[in-house]
């Protein structure tokens, strides 16, 4: 692990890292997040009765779109020619989690063949998907919470494989 921030130069100014000399490698990142909600809200989503339409289909599309827009949102991110973006939304019912929360568990997988990683795209995708669920259901449940957004795995590039252990 490096002990310096790559987006800060020797003078302390922020910068986009120069990756021009790095070789193109296949890279993948997986991220997850959770949006908790009232059981009645989850029921509306699962039964397809949400007023705005198919919440999970919209969240999947929004997550892919979010991944593609990451460099427009995160100032020092490189624009990437994403080769893969997948968003999975899994309903979590009462009793499925140890903490008792109900909601939607979202997992994103993003891939690229390029000079820099794709972790930010996977994290942005999961965040945007969670935000989309919130937007589509806020009329019935303003108390929803987005939580546990985190990187699960990244592979490729000079640093190779990293996987979350806890």
N, C-alpha and C. Protein backbone atom coordinates (compact mmCIF):
# COMPACT_ATOMS: atom_id res chain seq x y z
N UNK A 1 0.84 -1.18 0.00
CA UNK A 1 0.00 0.00 0.00
C UNK A 1 0.88 1.25 0.00
N UNK A 2 0.52 2.20 -0.82
CA UNK A 2 1.26 3.46 -0.88
C UNK A 2 0.99 4.29 0.37
N UNK A 3 1.95 5.11 0.73
CA UNK A 3 1.71 6.01 1.86
C UNK A 3 1.73 7.46 1.41
N UNK A 4 1.36 7.69 0.15
CA UNK A 4 1.19 9.05 -0.35
C UNK A 4 -0.06 9.12 -1.21
N UNK A 5 -0.66 10.29 -1.23
CA UNK A 5 -1.86 10.49 -2.02
C UNK A 5 -1.47 10.81 -3.46
N UNK A 6 -1.96 10.04 -4.41
CA UNK A 6 -1.54 10.21 -5.79
C UNK A 6 -2.15 11.43 -6.46
N UNK A 7 -3.23 11.96 -5.92
CA UNK A 7 -3.88 13.12 -6.51
C UNK A 7 -3.37 14.44 -5.94
N UNK A 8 -2.30 14.37 -5.17
CA UNK A 8 -1.67 15.57 -4.60
C UNK A 8 -0.23 15.62 -5.10
N UNK A 9 0.17 16.75 -5.69
CA UNK A 9 1.55 16.86 -6.19
C UNK A 9 2.49 17.29 -5.07
N UNK A 10 3.77 17.46 -5.41
CA UNK A 10 4.78 17.80 -4.41
C UNK A 10 4.54 19.14 -3.72
N UNK A 11 3.77 20.02 -4.37
CA UNK A 11 3.46 21.33 -3.78
C UNK A 11 2.16 21.30 -2.96
N UNK A 12 1.49 20.16 -2.96
CA UNK A 12 0.24 20.05 -2.23
C UNK A 12 -0.99 20.41 -3.05
N UNK A 13 -0.81 20.61 -4.35
CA UNK A 13 -1.94 20.94 -5.23
C UNK A 13 -2.58 19.66 -5.76
N UNK A 14 -3.90 19.70 -5.95
CA UNK A 14 -4.57 18.54 -6.53
C UNK A 14 -4.31 18.48 -8.02
N UNK A 15 -4.31 17.28 -8.54
CA UNK A 15 -4.05 17.07 -9.96
C UNK A 15 -4.62 15.74 -10.39
N UNK A 16 -4.84 15.63 -11.68
CA UNK A 16 -5.20 14.34 -12.25
C UNK A 16 -3.89 13.59 -12.49
N UNK A 17 -3.81 12.37 -12.02
CA UNK A 17 -2.60 11.57 -12.14
C UNK A 17 -2.30 11.31 -13.61
N UNK A 18 -1.03 11.43 -14.00
CA UNK A 18 -0.61 11.12 -15.36
C UNK A 18 -0.44 9.61 -15.49
N UNK A 19 -1.30 8.99 -16.26
CA UNK A 19 -1.25 7.54 -16.45
C UNK A 19 -0.75 7.16 -17.85
N UNK A 20 -0.22 8.13 -18.57
CA UNK A 20 0.14 7.89 -19.98
C UNK A 20 1.18 6.80 -20.17
N UNK A 21 2.06 6.60 -19.21
CA UNK A 21 3.12 5.59 -19.36
C UNK A 21 2.68 4.20 -18.89
N UNK A 22 1.52 4.09 -18.28
CA UNK A 22 1.06 2.81 -17.78
C UNK A 22 0.52 1.95 -18.91
N UNK A 23 0.72 0.63 -18.82
CA UNK A 23 0.17 -0.25 -19.85
C UNK A 23 -1.33 -0.46 -19.65
N UNK A 24 -2.03 -0.72 -20.73
CA UNK A 24 -3.44 -1.09 -20.64
C UNK A 24 -3.53 -2.49 -20.05
N UNK A 25 -4.38 -2.66 -19.05
CA UNK A 25 -4.65 -3.98 -18.49
C UNK A 25 -6.15 -4.11 -18.27
N UNK A 26 -6.59 -5.34 -18.19
CA UNK A 26 -8.00 -5.60 -17.90
C UNK A 26 -8.22 -5.36 -16.40
N UNK A 27 -9.25 -4.60 -16.08
CA UNK A 27 -9.53 -4.25 -14.69
C UNK A 27 -11.01 -4.44 -14.41
N UNK A 28 -11.31 -4.84 -13.18
CA UNK A 28 -12.69 -5.02 -12.76
C UNK A 28 -12.84 -4.55 -11.32
N UNK A 29 -14.00 -4.02 -11.00
CA UNK A 29 -14.30 -3.63 -9.62
C UNK A 29 -15.73 -4.01 -9.30
N UNK A 30 -15.95 -4.44 -8.06
CA UNK A 30 -17.27 -4.79 -7.57
C UNK A 30 -17.54 -3.97 -6.31
N UNK A 31 -18.71 -3.35 -6.26
CA UNK A 31 -19.10 -2.55 -5.10
C UNK A 31 -20.50 -2.95 -4.67
N UNK A 32 -20.84 -2.58 -3.44
CA UNK A 32 -22.18 -2.87 -2.94
C UNK A 32 -22.71 -1.70 -2.13
N UNK A 33 -24.01 -1.70 -1.97
CA UNK A 33 -24.68 -0.72 -1.13
C UNK A 33 -26.02 -1.28 -0.72
N UNK A 34 -26.65 -0.62 0.24
CA UNK A 34 -27.94 -1.08 0.75
C UNK A 34 -28.82 0.14 1.00
N UNK A 35 -30.07 0.05 0.62
CA UNK A 35 -31.03 1.09 0.97
C UNK A 35 -32.11 0.42 1.82
N UNK A 36 -32.20 0.88 3.07
CA UNK A 36 -33.20 0.32 3.98
C UNK A 36 -34.49 1.11 3.86
N UNK A 37 -35.58 0.45 4.16
CA UNK A 37 -36.90 1.07 4.00
C UNK A 37 -37.91 0.34 4.86
N UNK A 38 -39.10 0.88 4.90
CA UNK A 38 -40.20 0.22 5.59
C UNK A 38 -40.60 -1.03 4.82
N UNK A 39 -41.03 -2.08 5.52
CA UNK A 39 -41.49 -3.29 4.82
C UNK A 39 -42.58 -3.01 3.78
N UNK A 40 -43.47 -2.06 4.06
CA UNK A 40 -44.54 -1.73 3.10
C UNK A 40 -43.96 -1.15 1.81
N UNK A 41 -42.89 -0.39 1.93
CA UNK A 41 -42.23 0.18 0.74
C UNK A 41 -41.61 -0.94 -0.09
N UNK A 42 -40.93 -1.86 0.57
CA UNK A 42 -40.35 -3.00 -0.14
C UNK A 42 -41.45 -3.80 -0.85
N UNK A 43 -42.57 -3.96 -0.20
CA UNK A 43 -43.68 -4.69 -0.81
C UNK A 43 -44.17 -4.00 -2.08
N UNK A 44 -44.25 -2.67 -2.06
CA UNK A 44 -44.65 -1.92 -3.27
C UNK A 44 -43.67 -2.18 -4.42
N UNK A 45 -42.38 -2.21 -4.09
CA UNK A 45 -41.35 -2.43 -5.11
C UNK A 45 -41.45 -3.84 -5.68
N UNK A 46 -41.50 -4.82 -4.79
CA UNK A 46 -41.49 -6.22 -5.20
C UNK A 46 -42.74 -6.60 -5.99
N UNK A 47 -43.88 -6.04 -5.61
CA UNK A 47 -45.13 -6.37 -6.30
C UNK A 47 -45.38 -5.51 -7.53
N UNK A 48 -44.48 -4.56 -7.79
CA UNK A 48 -44.62 -3.72 -8.97
C UNK A 48 -45.70 -2.66 -8.85
N UNK A 49 -46.05 -2.28 -7.63
CA UNK A 49 -47.13 -1.32 -7.41
C UNK A 49 -46.64 0.09 -7.08
N UNK A 50 -45.34 0.33 -7.21
CA UNK A 50 -44.82 1.68 -6.96
C UNK A 50 -45.38 2.62 -8.02
N UNK A 51 -45.78 3.81 -7.59
CA UNK A 51 -46.46 4.76 -8.47
C UNK A 51 -45.64 5.15 -9.69
N UNK A 52 -44.32 5.20 -9.55
CA UNK A 52 -43.47 5.65 -10.66
C UNK A 52 -43.04 4.53 -11.61
N UNK A 53 -43.45 3.28 -11.32
CA UNK A 53 -43.11 2.19 -12.23
C UNK A 53 -42.14 1.19 -11.63
N UNK A 54 -41.45 0.47 -12.49
CA UNK A 54 -40.53 -0.61 -12.08
C UNK A 54 -39.28 -0.01 -11.45
N UNK A 55 -39.27 0.02 -10.14
CA UNK A 55 -38.20 0.66 -9.38
C UNK A 55 -36.85 -0.01 -9.64
N UNK A 56 -36.82 -1.31 -9.62
CA UNK A 56 -35.53 -2.01 -9.75
C UNK A 56 -34.97 -1.92 -11.17
N UNK A 57 -35.82 -1.97 -12.18
CA UNK A 57 -35.33 -1.80 -13.56
C UNK A 57 -34.75 -0.40 -13.72
N UNK A 58 -35.44 0.58 -13.18
CA UNK A 58 -34.94 1.96 -13.29
C UNK A 58 -33.62 2.11 -12.54
N UNK A 59 -33.50 1.50 -11.36
CA UNK A 59 -32.27 1.58 -10.58
C UNK A 59 -31.10 0.93 -11.32
N UNK A 60 -31.36 -0.19 -11.99
CA UNK A 60 -30.30 -0.86 -12.75
C UNK A 60 -29.81 0.03 -13.89
N UNK A 61 -30.73 0.61 -14.63
CA UNK A 61 -30.34 1.50 -15.73
C UNK A 61 -29.62 2.73 -15.19
N UNK A 62 -30.12 3.31 -14.11
CA UNK A 62 -29.49 4.50 -13.52
C UNK A 62 -28.07 4.19 -13.04
N UNK A 63 -27.86 3.01 -12.48
CA UNK A 63 -26.53 2.63 -12.03
C UNK A 63 -25.54 2.56 -13.18
N UNK A 64 -25.97 1.96 -14.30
CA UNK A 64 -25.10 1.90 -15.48
C UNK A 64 -24.80 3.31 -15.98
N UNK A 65 -25.83 4.14 -16.04
CA UNK A 65 -25.62 5.53 -16.49
C UNK A 65 -24.68 6.27 -15.54
N UNK A 66 -24.82 6.03 -14.24
CA UNK A 66 -23.94 6.66 -13.25
C UNK A 66 -22.49 6.26 -13.46
N UNK A 67 -22.26 4.97 -13.72
CA UNK A 67 -20.90 4.50 -13.97
C UNK A 67 -20.29 5.24 -15.15
N UNK A 68 -21.08 5.43 -16.19
CA UNK A 68 -20.60 6.10 -17.41
C UNK A 68 -20.33 7.59 -17.20
N UNK A 69 -20.91 8.19 -16.18
CA UNK A 69 -20.75 9.62 -15.92
C UNK A 69 -19.77 9.93 -14.79
N UNK A 70 -19.09 8.94 -14.26
CA UNK A 70 -18.25 9.13 -13.08
C UNK A 70 -17.23 10.25 -13.24
N UNK A 71 -16.55 10.31 -14.37
CA UNK A 71 -15.51 11.34 -14.53
C UNK A 71 -16.12 12.74 -14.61
N UNK A 72 -17.40 12.86 -14.88
CA UNK A 72 -18.06 14.17 -14.86
C UNK A 72 -18.42 14.59 -13.44
N UNK A 73 -18.47 13.65 -12.53
CA UNK A 73 -18.89 13.91 -11.15
C UNK A 73 -17.73 13.99 -10.17
N UNK A 74 -16.71 13.18 -10.39
CA UNK A 74 -15.56 13.10 -9.47
C UNK A 74 -14.40 13.81 -10.17
N UNK A 75 -13.97 14.96 -9.64
CA UNK A 75 -13.06 15.85 -10.38
C UNK A 75 -11.77 15.23 -10.91
N UNK A 76 -11.12 14.36 -10.18
CA UNK A 76 -9.82 13.85 -10.63
C UNK A 76 -9.90 12.47 -11.28
N UNK A 77 -11.11 11.99 -11.55
CA UNK A 77 -11.28 10.70 -12.24
C UNK A 77 -11.00 10.86 -13.73
N UNK A 78 -10.34 9.86 -14.26
CA UNK A 78 -10.11 9.83 -15.70
C UNK A 78 -11.38 9.35 -16.41
N UNK A 79 -11.69 9.91 -17.56
CA UNK A 79 -12.79 9.34 -18.35
C UNK A 79 -12.35 7.97 -18.87
N UNK A 80 -13.19 6.97 -18.68
CA UNK A 80 -12.83 5.61 -19.08
C UNK A 80 -13.78 5.09 -20.14
N UNK A 81 -13.25 4.25 -21.00
CA UNK A 81 -14.05 3.57 -22.00
C UNK A 81 -14.52 2.25 -21.37
N UNK A 82 -15.57 2.34 -20.57
CA UNK A 82 -16.05 1.20 -19.80
C UNK A 82 -16.46 0.07 -20.75
N UNK A 83 -16.01 -1.14 -20.42
CA UNK A 83 -16.33 -2.30 -21.24
C UNK A 83 -17.43 -3.16 -20.63
N UNK A 84 -17.73 -2.93 -19.33
CA UNK A 84 -18.75 -3.73 -18.66
C UNK A 84 -19.32 -2.92 -17.51
N UNK A 85 -20.65 -2.93 -17.37
CA UNK A 85 -21.31 -2.34 -16.21
C UNK A 85 -22.58 -3.13 -15.94
N UNK A 86 -22.65 -3.74 -14.77
CA UNK A 86 -23.80 -4.56 -14.41
C UNK A 86 -24.27 -4.14 -13.02
N UNK A 87 -25.58 -4.02 -12.85
CA UNK A 87 -26.16 -3.65 -11.57
C UNK A 87 -27.19 -4.71 -11.20
N UNK A 88 -27.03 -5.27 -10.01
CA UNK A 88 -27.96 -6.28 -9.51
C UNK A 88 -28.66 -5.74 -8.27
N UNK A 89 -29.98 -5.89 -8.21
CA UNK A 89 -30.79 -5.40 -7.10
C UNK A 89 -31.52 -6.59 -6.47
N UNK A 90 -31.25 -6.82 -5.20
CA UNK A 90 -31.83 -7.97 -4.52
C UNK A 90 -32.68 -7.49 -3.34
N UNK A 91 -33.98 -7.79 -3.35
CA UNK A 91 -34.82 -7.44 -2.20
C UNK A 91 -34.36 -8.18 -0.94
N UNK A 92 -34.36 -7.48 0.16
CA UNK A 92 -33.98 -8.05 1.46
C UNK A 92 -35.20 -7.92 2.37
N UNK A 93 -35.76 -9.05 2.75
CA UNK A 93 -37.00 -9.09 3.54
C UNK A 93 -36.70 -9.22 5.02
N UNK A 94 -37.75 -9.07 5.82
CA UNK A 94 -37.61 -9.23 7.26
C UNK A 94 -37.00 -10.60 7.56
N UNK A 95 -35.98 -10.60 8.42
CA UNK A 95 -35.31 -11.83 8.81
C UNK A 95 -34.12 -12.20 7.95
N UNK A 96 -33.90 -11.50 6.83
CA UNK A 96 -32.77 -11.81 5.95
C UNK A 96 -31.44 -11.26 6.48
N UNK A 97 -31.50 -10.16 7.22
CA UNK A 97 -30.29 -9.54 7.76
C UNK A 97 -30.27 -9.66 9.27
N UNK A 98 -29.07 -9.79 9.83
CA UNK A 98 -28.94 -9.88 11.28
C UNK A 98 -29.46 -8.64 11.99
N UNK A 99 -29.31 -7.47 11.35
CA UNK A 99 -29.75 -6.23 12.00
C UNK A 99 -31.25 -5.97 11.83
N UNK A 100 -31.94 -6.86 11.11
CA UNK A 100 -33.37 -6.75 10.95
C UNK A 100 -33.84 -5.75 9.89
N UNK A 101 -32.90 -5.07 9.24
CA UNK A 101 -33.30 -4.07 8.23
C UNK A 101 -33.88 -4.75 6.99
N UNK A 102 -34.79 -4.03 6.37
CA UNK A 102 -35.47 -4.45 5.16
C UNK A 102 -35.10 -3.47 4.07
N UNK A 103 -34.96 -3.92 2.84
CA UNK A 103 -34.64 -2.99 1.76
C UNK A 103 -34.14 -3.68 0.51
N UNK A 104 -33.26 -2.99 -0.18
CA UNK A 104 -32.68 -3.49 -1.43
C UNK A 104 -31.16 -3.50 -1.30
N UNK A 105 -30.57 -4.66 -1.54
CA UNK A 105 -29.11 -4.79 -1.59
C UNK A 105 -28.70 -4.65 -3.06
N UNK A 106 -27.79 -3.73 -3.33
CA UNK A 106 -27.37 -3.47 -4.71
C UNK A 106 -25.89 -3.80 -4.86
N UNK A 107 -25.57 -4.56 -5.90
CA UNK A 107 -24.19 -4.91 -6.23
C UNK A 107 -23.91 -4.45 -7.65
N UNK A 108 -22.76 -3.83 -7.86
CA UNK A 108 -22.37 -3.39 -9.19
C UNK A 108 -21.03 -4.00 -9.57
N UNK A 109 -20.90 -4.33 -10.83
CA UNK A 109 -19.64 -4.82 -11.39
C UNK A 109 -19.33 -3.98 -12.60
N UNK A 110 -18.13 -3.39 -12.61
CA UNK A 110 -17.69 -2.57 -13.74
C UNK A 110 -16.35 -3.08 -14.23
N UNK A 111 -16.15 -3.00 -15.54
CA UNK A 111 -14.90 -3.45 -16.12
C UNK A 111 -14.40 -2.48 -17.17
N UNK A 112 -13.08 -2.53 -17.39
CA UNK A 112 -12.44 -1.69 -18.38
C UNK A 112 -11.11 -2.34 -18.77
N UNK A 113 -10.68 -2.10 -19.98
CA UNK A 113 -9.30 -2.38 -20.36
C UNK A 113 -8.66 -1.02 -20.53
N UNK A 114 -7.77 -0.69 -19.62
CA UNK A 114 -7.20 0.65 -19.64
C UNK A 114 -6.03 0.82 -18.71
N UNK A 115 -5.67 2.08 -18.49
CA UNK A 115 -4.47 2.44 -17.74
C UNK A 115 -4.74 2.75 -16.27
N UNK A 116 -6.00 2.82 -15.88
CA UNK A 116 -6.33 3.18 -14.50
C UNK A 116 -7.56 2.41 -14.07
N UNK A 117 -7.74 2.32 -12.76
CA UNK A 117 -8.77 1.48 -12.18
C UNK A 117 -10.19 1.97 -12.40
N UNK A 118 -11.12 1.11 -12.04
CA UNK A 118 -12.54 1.36 -12.28
C UNK A 118 -13.35 1.30 -11.00
N UNK A 119 -12.65 1.43 -9.87
CA UNK A 119 -13.33 1.39 -8.57
C UNK A 119 -14.36 2.51 -8.42
N UNK A 120 -13.99 3.71 -8.84
CA UNK A 120 -14.90 4.84 -8.67
C UNK A 120 -16.17 4.67 -9.49
N UNK A 121 -16.06 4.04 -10.63
CA UNK A 121 -17.24 3.79 -11.46
C UNK A 121 -18.18 2.80 -10.78
N UNK A 122 -17.63 1.74 -10.18
CA UNK A 122 -18.46 0.77 -9.47
C UNK A 122 -19.14 1.41 -8.26
N UNK A 123 -18.39 2.24 -7.52
CA UNK A 123 -18.96 2.92 -6.35
C UNK A 123 -20.01 3.96 -6.76
N UNK A 124 -19.76 4.66 -7.84
CA UNK A 124 -20.75 5.64 -8.33
C UNK A 124 -22.00 4.92 -8.80
N UNK A 125 -21.83 3.81 -9.50
CA UNK A 125 -22.99 3.05 -9.99
C UNK A 125 -23.88 2.61 -8.84
N UNK A 126 -23.29 2.07 -7.79
CA UNK A 126 -24.11 1.60 -6.67
C UNK A 126 -24.77 2.77 -5.95
N UNK A 127 -24.07 3.88 -5.84
CA UNK A 127 -24.65 5.06 -5.18
C UNK A 127 -25.83 5.61 -5.97
N UNK A 128 -25.67 5.72 -7.28
CA UNK A 128 -26.75 6.25 -8.13
C UNK A 128 -27.94 5.30 -8.15
N UNK A 129 -27.68 4.00 -8.15
CA UNK A 129 -28.79 3.03 -8.11
C UNK A 129 -29.58 3.18 -6.80
N UNK A 130 -28.87 3.31 -5.69
CA UNK A 130 -29.54 3.51 -4.40
C UNK A 130 -30.33 4.82 -4.39
N UNK A 131 -29.73 5.87 -4.91
CA UNK A 131 -30.42 7.17 -4.97
C UNK A 131 -31.67 7.09 -5.84
N UNK A 132 -31.63 6.30 -6.88
CA UNK A 132 -32.79 6.14 -7.76
C UNK A 132 -33.92 5.43 -7.03
N UNK A 133 -33.60 4.41 -6.27
CA UNK A 133 -34.63 3.74 -5.46
C UNK A 133 -35.26 4.77 -4.52
N UNK A 134 -34.42 5.59 -3.88
CA UNK A 134 -34.94 6.62 -2.98
C UNK A 134 -35.88 7.56 -3.74
N UNK A 135 -35.43 8.05 -4.87
CA UNK A 135 -36.22 9.00 -5.64
C UNK A 135 -37.58 8.41 -6.03
N UNK A 136 -37.59 7.17 -6.44
CA UNK A 136 -38.83 6.56 -6.92
C UNK A 136 -39.79 6.21 -5.79
N UNK A 137 -39.30 6.15 -4.56
CA UNK A 137 -40.15 5.72 -3.44
C UNK A 137 -40.30 6.78 -2.34
N UNK A 138 -39.70 7.93 -2.51
CA UNK A 138 -39.72 8.94 -1.44
C UNK A 138 -41.12 9.44 -1.10
N UNK A 139 -42.03 9.35 -2.02
CA UNK A 139 -43.40 9.81 -1.74
C UNK A 139 -44.06 8.98 -0.64
N UNK A 140 -43.65 7.72 -0.50
CA UNK A 140 -44.26 6.87 0.53
C UNK A 140 -43.32 6.59 1.70
N UNK A 141 -42.02 6.91 1.57
CA UNK A 141 -41.07 6.56 2.64
C UNK A 141 -39.85 7.48 2.61
N UNK A 142 -39.98 8.65 3.21
CA UNK A 142 -38.85 9.59 3.25
C UNK A 142 -37.76 9.16 4.24
N UNK A 143 -38.04 8.17 5.05
CA UNK A 143 -37.06 7.71 6.04
C UNK A 143 -36.10 6.65 5.54
N UNK A 144 -36.13 6.36 4.24
CA UNK A 144 -35.18 5.37 3.72
C UNK A 144 -33.75 5.84 3.99
N UNK A 145 -32.86 4.88 4.16
CA UNK A 145 -31.45 5.19 4.42
C UNK A 145 -30.55 4.44 3.46
N UNK A 146 -29.60 5.17 2.88
CA UNK A 146 -28.59 4.55 2.03
C UNK A 146 -27.38 4.30 2.91
N UNK A 147 -26.89 3.06 2.89
CA UNK A 147 -25.79 2.71 3.80
C UNK A 147 -24.90 1.63 3.19
N UNK A 148 -23.80 1.41 3.86
CA UNK A 148 -22.90 0.31 3.51
C UNK A 148 -22.40 0.34 2.08
N UNK A 149 -22.23 1.54 1.51
CA UNK A 149 -21.65 1.66 0.17
C UNK A 149 -20.15 1.43 0.32
N UNK A 150 -19.65 0.42 -0.38
CA UNK A 150 -18.23 0.08 -0.22
C UNK A 150 -17.74 -0.79 -1.36
N UNK A 151 -16.44 -0.74 -1.55
CA UNK A 151 -15.78 -1.57 -2.55
C UNK A 151 -15.62 -2.98 -1.99
N UNK A 152 -15.98 -3.98 -2.77
CA UNK A 152 -15.81 -5.37 -2.36
C UNK A 152 -14.57 -6.00 -2.97
N UNK A 153 -14.27 -5.61 -4.22
CA UNK A 153 -13.16 -6.25 -4.93
C UNK A 153 -12.69 -5.34 -6.04
N UNK A 154 -11.39 -5.35 -6.28
CA UNK A 154 -10.81 -4.74 -7.48
C UNK A 154 -9.69 -5.65 -7.94
N UNK A 155 -9.57 -5.75 -9.24
CA UNK A 155 -8.53 -6.60 -9.79
C UNK A 155 -7.98 -5.94 -11.04
N UNK A 156 -6.70 -6.16 -11.27
CA UNK A 156 -6.03 -5.63 -12.45
C UNK A 156 -5.06 -4.53 -12.10
N UNK A 157 -4.29 -4.16 -13.09
CA UNK A 157 -3.31 -3.10 -12.89
C UNK A 157 -2.11 -3.57 -12.08
N UNK A 158 -1.26 -2.61 -11.75
CA UNK A 158 -0.01 -2.89 -11.04
C UNK A 158 -0.24 -3.51 -9.65
N UNK A 159 -1.27 -3.05 -8.96
CA UNK A 159 -1.49 -3.55 -7.61
C UNK A 159 -2.25 -4.87 -7.55
N UNK A 160 -2.78 -5.33 -8.68
CA UNK A 160 -3.41 -6.65 -8.74
C UNK A 160 -4.72 -6.74 -7.99
N UNK A 161 -4.93 -7.88 -7.34
CA UNK A 161 -6.18 -8.19 -6.68
C UNK A 161 -6.25 -7.62 -5.27
N UNK A 162 -7.38 -6.99 -4.96
CA UNK A 162 -7.71 -6.59 -3.59
C UNK A 162 -9.14 -7.03 -3.33
N UNK A 163 -9.37 -7.71 -2.21
CA UNK A 163 -10.72 -8.12 -1.83
C UNK A 163 -10.98 -7.75 -0.39
N UNK A 164 -12.20 -7.28 -0.12
CA UNK A 164 -12.61 -6.96 1.24
C UNK A 164 -12.68 -8.24 2.04
N UNK A 165 -12.14 -8.22 3.24
CA UNK A 165 -12.15 -9.42 4.08
C UNK A 165 -13.18 -9.35 5.20
N UNK A 166 -13.76 -8.18 5.40
CA UNK A 166 -14.79 -8.09 6.46
C UNK A 166 -15.90 -7.17 6.04
